[in-house]
């Protein structure tokens, strides 16, 4: 049921460039990669929404980053507090697109690589300033506007976990890598042409949630695009890039004008990627016939979804909508480190510390793996006194649609559970909204945890299936609270 509201919706957009100075070390792989080239720019895009001048509000900020450290998120909030005193910083929601070709904001992730490189601390300073600038501009530029939404499709994400008939880690042709447990029947990015191949472990979702904004003259000003895939088509490259979201922006702006804002969001996609593990030869042939790269093809598919739904969303554009924004710290059970886990990690640590790296690449891998071992050991020490972690969740109601956030690489099943039971007509699940300073962000299902491999084990997971379902239930409770408010309270 739509509530009648007396205040016009106000909308403001802004964008800032966060392309780093070169050279810089890229974040997102076990080895350090020094970028000396910019393939395409990195950006932050802010969308400010408020119910009139005095009603509730939300500022959505999408960042071309791999993850968002909690400390940097807090710095962004503090900078917003200084620049925009009339905006509560907790109403600002940052999300990462999960590009693996951007710099880190955290010192110590890799050993120093080359002289003169832009350090993570230096990039973090620039990042915080640009985010605050974008938020301030979007907030100050709010004007009466209308919004519309819709649901489309684009084949972008694929489940990246391959299951086998036997334990993958037990096979003679497989070596157990230090810091990357592989004791199960599944493997991330496993080969599907293997005689032992059984099936793809989980589901994939090609739905696209879209929200458009128009100014008072009816001109399209921007679009929020939410889909279940991280931005990592070129994840191992050694240049700066926003990955396929750059190609999507280019394709959308070519059709609708350079001034259009595009705000990308990754829905629950911890077990998804843009790399197809089946039909690879068929896909490659189609790319060759089209004469495009896979990035360009993904951008074309996203732009097609935007175009397909745009006229339908415009038919039902709304000027006056209830807007409510809840922010809560919710308790979520940790994934407990067992004694057997600890023993494995201690052996891995001893092996890594005994290695003599042959080159800088090997040294950076060793550095990362030693750090991962130490962090698991620290979690083992902390978990008895701190069996729960407090996680920030945002639940936003805008008319008949909702936004629901979490900081994890949230496996797809959890997002689908939220969407299926949500009271909203359409729910935009948004992952990677902030994170810890050092620890893994994957949040696997019970099926994936049993399957093992990277992405599902003690090195990668602070939270397990029990905590994942708790997060689902907490999120749904918040959404139901928003929809339980009487219409007169929203008017």
Protein backbone atom coordinates (compact mmCIF):
# COMPACT_ATOMS: atom_id res chain seq x y z
CA UNK A 1 0.00 0.00 0.00
CA UNK A 2 1.41 3.42 -0.92
CA UNK A 3 1.46 6.03 1.79
CA UNK A 4 0.45 9.61 1.01
CA UNK A 5 3.19 12.06 1.94
CA UNK A 6 3.08 15.83 2.05
CA UNK A 7 6.74 16.50 1.25
CA UNK A 8 8.29 16.36 -2.22
CA UNK A 9 11.22 14.03 -2.66
CA UNK A 10 14.51 15.91 -3.03
CA UNK A 11 17.32 14.37 -5.09
CA UNK A 12 20.93 15.41 -5.59
CA UNK A 13 23.81 13.79 -7.48
CA UNK A 14 27.59 14.25 -7.53
CA UNK A 15 30.70 12.42 -8.69
CA UNK A 16 34.41 12.69 -7.94
CA UNK A 17 37.51 11.17 -9.49
CA UNK A 18 39.60 8.96 -7.17
CA UNK A 19 42.16 7.80 -9.73
CA UNK A 20 45.46 7.44 -7.86
CA UNK A 21 48.80 8.98 -8.61
CA UNK A 22 51.18 6.54 -10.31
CA UNK A 23 52.91 4.27 -9.60
CA UNK A 24 50.66 2.63 -7.06
CA UNK A 25 50.16 -0.88 -5.70
CA UNK A 26 46.82 -2.47 -6.57
CA UNK A 27 44.75 -4.39 -4.05
CA UNK A 28 42.82 -7.63 -4.46
CA UNK A 29 45.29 -10.46 -5.17
CA UNK A 30 47.72 -12.44 -3.03
CA UNK A 31 50.63 -10.80 -4.85
CA UNK A 32 51.33 -7.09 -5.14
CA UNK A 33 50.88 -5.53 -8.58
CA UNK A 34 52.45 -2.16 -9.32
CA UNK A 35 50.32 -0.09 -11.69
CA UNK A 36 52.11 2.37 -13.94
CA UNK A 37 49.14 2.94 -16.27
CA UNK A 38 45.53 4.09 -15.93
CA UNK A 39 43.24 2.08 -18.19
CA UNK A 40 40.17 4.01 -17.08
CA UNK A 41 39.33 6.29 -14.13
CA UNK A 42 38.12 5.36 -10.66
CA UNK A 43 35.19 7.32 -9.29
CA UNK A 44 32.91 7.80 -6.32
CA UNK A 45 29.27 8.62 -7.07
CA UNK A 46 26.87 10.04 -4.48
CA UNK A 47 23.07 10.14 -4.54
CA UNK A 48 21.36 12.22 -1.85
CA UNK A 49 17.69 11.55 -1.11
CA UNK A 50 15.48 13.32 1.40
CA UNK A 51 11.80 13.67 2.13
CA UNK A 52 11.58 17.43 1.84
CA UNK A 53 14.08 19.58 3.72
CA UNK A 54 13.31 18.24 7.18
CA UNK A 55 12.27 14.62 6.67
CA UNK A 56 14.38 11.48 6.79
CA UNK A 57 17.23 11.01 4.34
CA UNK A 58 19.83 8.70 2.86
CA UNK A 59 23.01 9.36 0.90
CA UNK A 60 24.16 6.39 -1.19
CA UNK A 61 27.82 6.48 -2.22
CA UNK A 62 29.30 3.93 -4.62
CA UNK A 63 33.10 3.63 -4.73
CA UNK A 64 35.38 1.96 -7.27
CA UNK A 65 37.23 0.07 -4.55
CA UNK A 66 37.79 -3.58 -3.69
CA UNK A 67 36.60 -3.23 -0.09
CA UNK A 68 35.97 -0.43 2.40
CA UNK A 69 37.92 -0.57 5.65
CA UNK A 70 35.95 0.40 8.74
CA UNK A 71 38.55 2.98 9.78
CA UNK A 72 38.36 4.73 6.40
CA UNK A 73 34.57 4.65 6.48
CA UNK A 74 34.68 6.34 9.88
CA UNK A 75 37.05 8.98 8.53
CA UNK A 76 34.61 9.64 5.68
CA UNK A 77 31.80 10.08 8.20
CA UNK A 78 33.88 12.50 10.25
CA UNK A 79 34.76 14.52 7.14
CA UNK A 80 31.06 14.66 6.22
CA UNK A 81 30.22 15.84 9.74
CA UNK A 82 32.65 18.75 9.33
CA UNK A 83 31.55 19.69 5.81
CA UNK A 84 27.80 19.09 6.12
CA UNK A 85 26.73 19.75 9.72
CA UNK A 86 23.04 19.45 8.83
CA UNK A 87 23.51 15.85 7.59
CA UNK A 88 23.85 13.00 10.11
CA UNK A 89 26.91 10.99 8.97
CA UNK A 90 25.25 7.69 9.84
CA UNK A 91 22.79 8.39 7.02
CA UNK A 92 25.68 8.08 4.52
CA UNK A 93 25.99 4.55 3.09
CA UNK A 94 29.19 3.67 1.24
CA UNK A 95 29.53 0.57 -0.92
CA UNK A 96 32.46 -0.87 -2.87
CA UNK A 97 32.08 -2.29 -6.37
CA UNK A 98 34.90 -4.77 -5.62
CA UNK A 99 37.25 -3.85 -8.44
CA UNK A 100 40.60 -5.62 -8.03
CA UNK A 101 42.40 -2.94 -10.05
CA UNK A 102 42.35 -0.07 -7.59
CA UNK A 103 44.69 0.84 -4.71
CA UNK A 104 44.28 -0.11 -1.09
CA UNK A 105 43.57 2.33 1.73
CA UNK A 106 45.29 0.13 4.32
CA UNK A 107 49.00 0.17 5.11
CA UNK A 108 50.83 -3.10 5.59
CA UNK A 109 48.77 -5.28 3.27
CA UNK A 110 51.81 -5.72 1.04
CA UNK A 111 55.50 -4.95 1.58
CA UNK A 112 56.76 -1.74 -0.10
CA UNK A 113 57.35 -2.32 -3.82
CA UNK A 114 58.95 0.64 -5.59
CA UNK A 115 60.23 4.08 -4.67
CA UNK A 116 57.84 6.96 -5.24
CA UNK A 117 54.66 4.86 -5.22
CA UNK A 118 51.44 6.37 -3.90
CA UNK A 119 51.12 4.79 -0.48
CA UNK A 120 47.84 3.40 0.87
CA UNK A 121 47.83 6.13 3.51
CA UNK A 122 48.22 8.82 0.85
CA UNK A 123 45.44 7.31 -1.24
CA UNK A 124 43.21 7.02 1.84
CA UNK A 125 43.63 10.75 2.49
CA UNK A 126 42.58 11.58 -1.06
CA UNK A 127 39.73 9.07 -0.96
CA UNK A 128 38.24 10.50 2.23
CA UNK A 129 38.42 14.05 0.88
CA UNK A 130 36.79 13.15 -2.46
CA UNK A 131 34.01 11.14 -0.81
CA UNK A 132 33.23 14.04 1.52
CA UNK A 133 33.23 16.46 -1.43
CA UNK A 134 30.82 14.26 -3.39
CA UNK A 135 28.48 13.85 -0.42
CA UNK A 136 28.49 17.58 0.26
CA UNK A 137 27.77 18.47 -3.36
CA UNK A 138 25.01 15.88 -3.73
CA UNK A 139 23.41 17.10 -0.48
CA UNK A 140 23.62 20.79 -1.43
CA UNK A 141 22.32 20.10 -4.96
CA UNK A 142 19.10 18.40 -3.82
CA UNK A 143 16.08 19.58 -5.77
CA UNK A 144 12.50 18.40 -6.25
CA UNK A 145 12.57 15.33 -8.46
CA UNK A 146 10.80 12.12 -9.27
CA UNK A 147 11.97 8.52 -9.04
CA UNK A 148 10.91 5.29 -10.68
CA UNK A 149 12.09 1.75 -10.38
CA UNK A 150 11.95 -1.57 -12.13
CA UNK A 151 13.39 -5.04 -12.45
CA UNK A 152 15.27 -6.31 -15.48
CA UNK A 153 17.81 -8.93 -16.47
CA UNK A 154 21.43 -9.03 -17.62
CA UNK A 155 23.70 -12.06 -17.64
CA UNK A 156 26.75 -10.76 -15.79
CA UNK A 157 27.48 -12.88 -12.71
CA UNK A 158 28.15 -16.62 -12.58
CA UNK A 159 28.65 -18.93 -9.62
CA UNK A 160 32.39 -19.42 -9.36
CA UNK A 161 32.52 -22.52 -7.15
CA UNK A 162 32.92 -25.87 -8.92
CA UNK A 163 32.07 -29.14 -7.16
CA UNK A 164 33.68 -32.53 -7.80
CA UNK A 165 32.82 -36.14 -7.03
CA UNK A 166 35.82 -36.49 -4.68
CA UNK A 167 37.71 -34.22 -2.33
CA UNK A 168 39.65 -31.79 -4.47
CA UNK A 169 42.41 -31.30 -1.90
CA UNK A 170 43.11 -35.05 -1.70
CA UNK A 171 43.92 -35.49 -5.36
CA UNK A 172 47.52 -36.19 -6.32
CA UNK A 173 47.54 -33.40 -8.90
CA UNK A 174 46.67 -30.78 -6.28
CA UNK A 175 49.05 -29.11 -3.85
CA UNK A 176 47.68 -27.61 -0.64
CA UNK A 177 48.63 -23.89 -0.83
CA UNK A 178 49.72 -22.16 2.35
CA UNK A 179 47.01 -19.87 3.71
CA UNK A 180 44.36 -21.13 1.31
CA UNK A 181 42.74 -24.29 2.71
CA UNK A 182 41.43 -26.65 0.00
CA UNK A 183 40.07 -29.64 1.91
CA UNK A 184 36.68 -30.24 0.33
CA UNK A 185 34.80 -31.24 -2.79
CA UNK A 186 34.56 -27.69 -4.18
CA UNK A 187 37.06 -25.27 -5.66
CA UNK A 188 36.71 -21.64 -6.55
CA UNK A 189 37.33 -21.24 -10.29
CA UNK A 190 37.77 -24.99 -10.65
CA UNK A 191 38.02 -26.60 -14.07
CA UNK A 192 34.72 -27.87 -15.46
CA UNK A 193 36.41 -30.02 -18.13
CA UNK A 194 37.88 -32.22 -15.38
CA UNK A 195 36.66 -35.86 -15.49
CA UNK A 196 35.83 -35.53 -11.78
CA UNK A 197 33.54 -32.50 -12.39
CA UNK A 198 30.10 -32.92 -10.81
CA UNK A 199 28.27 -29.57 -10.86
CA UNK A 200 28.40 -25.84 -10.19
CA UNK A 201 27.94 -25.51 -6.45
CA UNK A 202 25.26 -22.83 -6.22
CA UNK A 203 22.71 -20.63 -7.90
CA UNK A 204 23.28 -17.50 -9.95
CA UNK A 205 20.96 -14.53 -10.29
CA UNK A 206 20.76 -12.43 -13.47
CA UNK A 207 18.19 -10.00 -12.12
CA UNK A 208 18.96 -6.27 -12.21
CA UNK A 209 17.34 -3.86 -9.76
CA UNK A 210 17.09 -0.36 -11.22
CA UNK A 211 16.06 3.00 -9.78
CA UNK A 212 15.93 6.09 -12.01
CA UNK A 213 15.70 9.80 -11.15
CA UNK A 214 14.29 12.68 -13.22
CA UNK A 215 14.40 16.41 -12.65
CA UNK A 216 11.31 18.64 -12.61
CA UNK A 217 11.44 19.01 -16.40
CA UNK A 218 11.34 15.24 -16.80
CA UNK A 219 14.98 14.86 -17.82
CA UNK A 220 16.72 11.66 -16.75
CA UNK A 221 19.45 12.57 -14.24
CA UNK A 222 20.74 9.24 -12.98
CA UNK A 223 20.23 5.55 -12.35
CA UNK A 224 21.09 3.13 -9.55
CA UNK A 225 22.08 -0.27 -10.98
CA UNK A 226 22.16 -3.21 -8.58
CA UNK A 227 23.23 -6.69 -9.70
CA UNK A 228 24.73 -9.83 -8.18
CA UNK A 229 28.31 -9.65 -9.40
CA UNK A 230 31.56 -8.07 -8.19
CA UNK A 231 33.46 -5.86 -10.63
CA UNK A 232 36.42 -8.14 -11.35
CA UNK A 233 36.50 -9.17 -15.00
CA UNK A 234 40.15 -8.03 -15.24
CA UNK A 235 40.97 -8.76 -11.61
CA UNK A 236 44.56 -9.83 -12.20
CA UNK A 237 45.55 -6.89 -14.43
CA UNK A 238 48.34 -4.50 -13.47
CA UNK A 239 46.70 -1.22 -14.44
CA UNK A 240 44.20 1.06 -12.71
CA UNK A 241 40.62 0.36 -13.75
CA UNK A 242 37.02 0.44 -12.55
CA UNK A 243 36.59 -2.83 -14.47
CA UNK A 244 33.28 -3.49 -16.25
CA UNK A 245 31.46 -0.65 -14.51
CA UNK A 246 33.53 1.77 -16.61
CA UNK A 247 32.25 0.09 -19.77
CA UNK A 248 28.68 0.17 -18.43
CA UNK A 249 28.99 3.91 -17.72
CA UNK A 250 30.36 4.55 -21.20
CA UNK A 251 27.54 2.56 -22.82
CA UNK A 252 24.77 4.20 -20.76
CA UNK A 253 26.11 7.72 -21.29
CA UNK A 254 26.51 7.14 -25.01
CA UNK A 255 22.77 6.49 -25.14
CA UNK A 256 21.53 9.03 -22.58
CA UNK A 257 24.13 11.80 -22.37
CA UNK A 258 27.44 12.41 -20.66
CA UNK A 259 25.77 14.13 -17.72
CA UNK A 260 23.92 11.00 -16.55
CA UNK A 261 25.03 9.69 -13.16
CA UNK A 262 25.40 5.93 -12.70
CA UNK A 263 25.58 4.48 -9.20
CA UNK A 264 26.57 0.78 -9.24
CA UNK A 265 25.85 -1.60 -6.38
CA UNK A 266 26.90 -5.22 -5.96
CA UNK A 267 24.09 -7.30 -4.55
CA UNK A 268 24.85 -10.48 -2.56
CA UNK A 269 27.62 -12.01 -4.70
CA UNK A 270 30.32 -13.58 -2.53
CA UNK A 271 30.24 -16.76 -4.61
CA UNK A 272 29.72 -14.98 -7.96
CA UNK A 273 32.05 -13.53 -10.60
CA UNK A 274 31.82 -12.32 -14.20
CA UNK A 275 33.93 -15.29 -15.38
CA UNK A 276 31.81 -18.04 -17.00
CA UNK A 277 33.01 -21.51 -16.01
CA UNK A 278 30.65 -23.25 -18.42
CA UNK A 279 30.07 -22.45 -22.12
CA UNK A 280 33.44 -20.68 -22.27
CA UNK A 281 34.17 -21.55 -25.90
CA UNK A 282 30.68 -20.48 -26.95
CA UNK A 283 31.01 -17.18 -25.11
CA UNK A 284 34.42 -16.45 -26.63
CA UNK A 285 33.11 -17.09 -30.14
CA UNK A 286 30.23 -14.64 -29.61
CA UNK A 287 32.66 -11.99 -28.36
CA UNK A 288 34.80 -12.45 -31.46
CA UNK A 289 31.79 -12.18 -33.75
CA UNK A 290 30.65 -8.99 -32.00
CA UNK A 291 34.19 -7.61 -32.02
CA UNK A 292 34.11 -6.66 -28.33
CA UNK A 293 35.97 -7.52 -25.15
CA UNK A 294 34.16 -9.31 -22.36
CA UNK A 295 34.15 -6.05 -20.35
CA UNK A 296 32.48 -4.25 -23.25
CA UNK A 297 29.95 -7.06 -23.60
CA UNK A 298 29.04 -6.82 -19.91
CA UNK A 299 28.67 -3.05 -20.27
CA UNK A 300 26.38 -3.58 -23.27
CA UNK A 301 24.22 -6.04 -21.35
CA UNK A 302 23.86 -3.67 -18.39
CA UNK A 303 23.03 -0.74 -20.67
CA UNK A 304 20.43 -2.87 -22.44
CA UNK A 305 18.76 -3.66 -19.11
CA UNK A 306 18.74 0.05 -18.22
CA UNK A 307 17.12 0.88 -21.56
CA UNK A 308 14.62 -1.97 -21.39
CA UNK A 309 13.16 -0.92 -18.03
CA UNK A 310 13.49 2.88 -18.37
CA UNK A 311 10.19 3.55 -20.22
CA UNK A 312 8.31 1.25 -17.84
CA UNK A 313 9.73 2.93 -14.76
CA UNK A 314 8.91 6.35 -16.22
CA UNK A 315 5.24 5.34 -16.47
CA UNK A 316 5.13 5.04 -12.68
CA UNK A 317 7.49 7.85 -11.65
CA UNK A 318 6.71 9.24 -8.19
CA UNK A 319 7.29 12.71 -6.78
CA UNK A 320 6.11 12.11 -3.21
CA UNK A 321 7.25 9.01 -1.37
CA UNK A 322 7.76 7.89 2.22
CA UNK A 323 11.47 7.74 3.02
CA UNK A 324 12.68 6.05 6.20
CA UNK A 325 16.22 5.04 7.06
CA UNK A 326 17.13 2.73 9.95
CA UNK A 327 20.73 2.06 11.04
CA UNK A 328 21.46 -0.60 13.65
CA UNK A 329 24.41 -2.46 15.14
CA UNK A 330 23.28 -6.08 15.28
CA UNK A 331 25.00 -9.04 17.02
CA UNK A 332 26.12 -11.84 14.72
CA UNK A 333 27.77 -15.11 15.80
CA UNK A 334 31.39 -15.59 14.82
CA UNK A 335 32.62 -18.57 12.84
CA UNK A 336 34.57 -20.29 15.62
CA UNK A 337 38.16 -21.36 14.96
CA UNK A 338 38.52 -24.98 16.06
CA UNK A 339 41.61 -26.58 17.56
CA UNK A 340 42.12 -28.45 14.30
CA UNK A 341 41.89 -25.17 12.39
CA UNK A 342 44.47 -23.64 14.70
CA UNK A 343 46.85 -26.55 14.21
CA UNK A 344 46.55 -26.27 10.43
CA UNK A 345 47.18 -22.53 10.55
CA UNK A 346 50.23 -22.93 12.80
CA UNK A 347 51.71 -25.45 10.36
CA UNK A 348 50.99 -23.13 7.45
CA UNK A 349 52.64 -20.26 9.29
CA UNK A 350 55.77 -22.26 10.04
CA UNK A 351 56.02 -23.33 6.40
CA UNK A 352 55.55 -19.78 5.11
CA UNK A 353 58.07 -18.30 7.54
CA UNK A 354 60.64 -20.88 6.42
CA UNK A 355 60.27 -19.97 2.75
CA UNK A 356 62.97 -17.94 1.00
CA UNK A 357 61.18 -15.86 -1.67
CA UNK A 358 62.77 -15.96 -5.10
CA UNK A 359 61.51 -12.52 -6.15
CA UNK A 360 59.34 -9.58 -5.13
CA UNK A 361 56.16 -11.33 -6.23
CA UNK A 362 56.89 -14.35 -4.06
CA UNK A 363 57.84 -12.07 -1.17
CA UNK A 364 54.49 -10.27 -1.33
CA UNK A 365 52.60 -13.58 -1.41
CA UNK A 366 54.56 -14.76 1.62
CA UNK A 367 53.82 -11.49 3.42
CA UNK A 368 50.08 -11.79 2.76
CA UNK A 369 49.89 -15.43 3.84
CA UNK A 370 51.82 -14.86 7.05
CA UNK A 371 49.47 -12.00 7.88
CA UNK A 372 46.43 -14.21 7.25
CA UNK A 373 47.79 -16.89 9.57
CA UNK A 374 48.43 -14.40 12.37
CA UNK A 375 44.92 -12.98 12.05
CA UNK A 376 43.28 -16.39 12.34
CA UNK A 377 45.38 -17.08 15.44
CA UNK A 378 44.30 -13.74 16.94
CA UNK A 379 40.65 -14.62 16.27
CA UNK A 380 41.13 -17.92 18.09
CA UNK A 381 42.34 -16.02 21.15
CA UNK A 382 39.49 -13.48 21.00
CA UNK A 383 36.53 -15.73 20.25
CA UNK A 384 35.96 -17.10 23.75
CA UNK A 385 35.36 -13.66 25.23
CA UNK A 386 33.82 -12.24 22.03
CA UNK A 387 31.66 -14.96 20.41
CA UNK A 388 29.62 -12.31 18.60
CA UNK A 389 30.53 -9.43 16.30
CA UNK A 390 28.51 -6.25 16.02
CA UNK A 391 27.62 -5.51 12.41
CA UNK A 392 26.15 -2.32 10.97
CA UNK A 393 23.03 -2.79 8.88
CA UNK A 394 21.13 -0.11 6.97
CA UNK A 395 17.48 -0.63 6.02
CA UNK A 396 15.97 2.08 3.83
CA UNK A 397 12.40 2.37 2.65
CA UNK A 398 11.68 4.55 -0.37
CA UNK A 399 8.05 4.12 -1.30
CA UNK A 400 7.55 0.48 -2.26
CA UNK A 401 11.24 -0.40 -2.57
CA UNK A 402 13.96 -1.07 -0.01
CA UNK A 403 17.74 -1.01 0.31
CA UNK A 404 19.38 -3.43 2.76
CA UNK A 405 23.12 -3.44 3.41
CA UNK A 406 25.90 -5.55 4.89
CA UNK A 407 29.69 -5.36 4.84
CA UNK A 408 30.42 -8.88 3.58
CA UNK A 409 31.07 -10.68 0.35
CA UNK A 410 27.64 -12.08 1.02
CA UNK A 411 26.96 -15.41 -0.67
CA UNK A 412 24.04 -15.20 -3.06
CA UNK A 413 21.69 -17.46 -1.09
CA UNK A 414 21.55 -15.00 1.80
CA UNK A 415 20.55 -12.14 -0.47
CA UNK A 416 17.84 -14.26 -2.06
CA UNK A 417 16.46 -15.13 1.38
CA UNK A 418 16.16 -11.44 2.18
CA UNK A 419 14.57 -10.58 -1.18
CA UNK A 420 12.12 -13.49 -1.03
CA UNK A 421 10.79 -12.57 2.42
CA UNK A 422 11.09 -8.78 2.26
CA UNK A 423 7.86 -6.77 2.65
CA UNK A 424 9.08 -4.44 -0.11
CA UNK A 425 7.89 -4.72 -3.68
CA UNK A 426 11.55 -4.75 -4.71
CA UNK A 427 14.64 -5.03 -2.48
CA UNK A 428 18.11 -3.79 -3.39
CA UNK A 429 20.56 -5.87 -1.31
CA UNK A 430 23.90 -4.05 -1.13
CA UNK A 431 27.09 -5.80 -0.02
CA UNK A 432 30.57 -4.50 0.91
CA UNK A 433 29.33 -1.38 2.68
CA UNK A 434 32.30 -1.36 5.07
CA UNK A 435 34.67 -3.91 6.49
CA UNK A 436 37.26 -4.87 9.05
CA UNK A 437 40.81 -3.69 8.78
CA UNK A 438 42.45 -7.02 8.06
CA UNK A 439 40.18 -10.04 8.06
CA UNK A 440 38.35 -11.89 5.29
CA UNK A 441 34.94 -10.70 4.24
CA UNK A 442 33.40 -13.79 2.63
CA UNK A 443 30.23 -15.03 4.29
CA UNK A 444 29.59 -18.58 3.00
CA UNK A 445 26.55 -20.83 3.20
CA UNK A 446 26.61 -24.20 4.97
CA UNK A 447 26.85 -25.88 1.55
CA UNK A 448 29.92 -23.86 0.62
CA UNK A 449 31.57 -24.25 4.01
CA UNK A 450 31.22 -28.02 3.66
CA UNK A 451 32.64 -27.77 0.12
CA UNK A 452 35.77 -26.01 1.40
CA UNK A 453 38.36 -24.20 -0.73
CA UNK A 454 39.12 -20.49 -0.92
CA UNK A 455 36.20 -18.33 0.13
CA UNK A 456 34.87 -20.93 2.58
CA UNK A 457 37.19 -21.62 5.49
CA UNK A 458 38.91 -20.14 8.54
CA UNK A 459 41.20 -17.85 6.54
CA UNK A 460 38.37 -16.19 4.65
CA UNK A 461 35.41 -16.17 7.03
CA UNK A 462 34.86 -14.24 10.24
CA UNK A 463 31.18 -15.18 10.11
CA UNK A 464 29.73 -18.55 9.14
CA UNK A 465 26.30 -19.90 8.16
CA UNK A 466 24.81 -19.39 11.65
CA UNK A 467 25.82 -15.73 11.64
CA UNK A 468 24.77 -15.35 8.03
CA UNK A 469 21.23 -16.44 8.82
CA UNK A 470 21.19 -14.19 11.89
CA UNK A 471 22.11 -11.30 9.61
CA UNK A 472 19.25 -12.26 7.27
CA UNK A 473 16.76 -12.32 10.16
CA UNK A 474 17.99 -9.02 11.62
CA UNK A 475 17.70 -7.38 8.20
CA UNK A 476 14.18 -8.68 7.67
CA UNK A 477 13.14 -7.51 11.14
CA UNK A 478 14.31 -3.99 10.27
CA UNK A 479 12.52 -4.03 6.92
CA UNK A 480 9.32 -5.30 8.49
CA UNK A 481 9.55 -2.52 11.06
CA UNK A 482 9.66 0.04 8.25
CA UNK A 483 6.61 -1.45 6.57
CA UNK A 484 4.70 -1.81 9.85
CA UNK A 485 4.55 1.96 10.38
CA UNK A 486 0.99 3.26 9.92
CA UNK A 487 0.45 5.38 6.83
CA UNK A 488 -0.46 8.39 8.92
CA UNK A 489 2.98 8.29 10.54
CA UNK A 490 4.51 8.55 7.07
CA UNK A 491 2.34 11.48 6.02
